[in-house]
Protein backbone atom coordinates (compact mmCIF):
# COMPACT_ATOMS: atom_id res chain seq x y z
CA MET A 1 -1.11 -5.94 -5.44
CA ASP A 2 -2.81 -4.44 -8.95
CA SER A 3 -5.77 -3.14 -8.10
CA GLU A 4 -7.28 -5.34 -10.95
CA ASN A 5 -7.46 -8.15 -8.58
CA LEU A 6 -8.95 -6.59 -5.39
CA VAL A 7 -13.19 -6.76 -4.46
CA PRO A 8 -14.67 -4.45 -1.97
CA GLY A 9 -14.28 -6.50 1.37
CA ASP A 10 -11.00 -7.84 0.67
CA ILE A 11 -8.26 -6.92 3.41
CA ILE A 12 -4.85 -5.84 2.32
CA ILE A 13 -1.47 -5.88 3.97
CA ILE A 14 0.08 -2.12 3.70
CA GLU A 15 3.31 -1.80 3.40
CA ASP A 16 5.94 0.74 3.80
CA ASP A 17 7.27 2.85 0.93
CA LYS A 18 4.30 1.53 -1.11
CA ARG A 19 1.91 3.55 -3.26
CA MET A 20 -1.95 2.66 -2.59
CA PRO A 21 -3.32 0.89 -4.98
CA CYS A 22 -6.96 2.16 -3.97
CA ASP A 23 -8.87 3.60 -1.10
CA ALA A 24 -9.29 1.36 1.51
CA LEU A 25 -10.29 1.51 5.21
CA LEU A 26 -8.01 0.89 8.07
CA ILE A 27 -9.21 -1.23 10.60
CA SER A 28 -6.21 -1.97 12.35
CA GLY A 29 -2.82 -0.34 12.94
CA GLU A 30 -1.41 3.37 12.08
CA VAL A 31 0.19 4.30 9.17
CA LEU A 32 1.67 7.30 7.91
CA VAL A 33 0.70 8.60 4.22
CA THR A 34 1.99 11.56 1.71
CA GLU A 35 -1.35 13.08 0.14
CA SER A 36 0.50 15.79 -1.72
CA VAL A 37 -1.34 14.02 -5.19
CA LEU A 38 -4.63 14.80 -3.46
CA THR A 39 -4.02 17.91 -1.30
CA GLY A 40 -0.96 19.64 -3.04
CA GLU A 41 0.22 19.05 0.93
CA SER A 42 3.74 17.46 0.74
CA LEU A 43 3.59 16.87 4.68
CA PRO A 44 2.93 13.09 5.52
CA VAL A 45 -0.04 12.29 7.78
CA PRO A 46 -1.09 10.02 10.20
CA LYS A 47 -4.18 7.61 9.81
CA GLY A 48 -5.56 5.45 12.39
CA ALA A 49 -7.74 2.58 12.63
CA VAL A 50 -11.22 2.57 12.88
CA GLN A 51 -12.14 2.87 16.64
CA ARG A 52 -16.24 1.88 17.28
CA SER A 53 -17.99 2.06 13.79
CA VAL A 54 -16.78 1.81 10.48
CA LYS A 55 -18.11 5.54 9.07
CA LYS A 56 -16.46 7.13 6.17
CA ASP A 57 -14.15 9.58 7.85
CA LYS A 58 -10.60 10.80 6.90
CA GLN A 59 -8.53 9.94 9.56
CA ASN A 60 -9.46 6.27 8.74
CA MET A 61 -9.46 6.56 5.01
CA LEU A 62 -6.13 5.82 2.46
CA PHE A 63 -7.08 7.07 -1.13
CA GLU A 64 -5.86 5.31 -3.80
CA GLY A 65 -2.55 6.85 -5.64
CA THR A 66 -1.24 8.40 -1.84
CA ASP A 67 2.03 7.40 -0.71
CA VAL A 68 2.81 5.22 2.43
CA VAL A 69 5.56 6.21 4.53
CA LYS A 70 5.32 4.03 7.50
CA SER A 71 2.91 1.28 8.03
CA ARG A 72 2.72 0.33 12.17
CA ALA A 73 0.64 -3.71 12.70
CA PHE A 74 -1.11 -4.14 15.81
CA ASP A 75 -2.71 -7.49 16.91
CA ASP A 76 -4.73 -9.37 13.91
CA PRO A 77 -8.73 -7.76 15.19
CA PHE A 78 -9.65 -10.53 12.79
CA ASN A 79 -7.82 -13.24 14.63
CA SER A 80 -8.30 -13.89 18.56
CA GLY A 81 -6.70 -17.45 18.32
């Protein structure tokens, strides 16, 4: 998805082997990302979903331009039925 079509509050699906189009808070699932464009570190970094509160935390944030190596979805937290 092109980032110009996104607005704050949109929910997107994170796919394997894609580049993040925007900064995003991970609300469900797990991802493995390469943040070398930001940090210079080439090793993938695991990211997990927000557990209790929505606070900006490096463990829950995905950053624009980083590469998603692998994503793993959990049940949709917004669709309980």
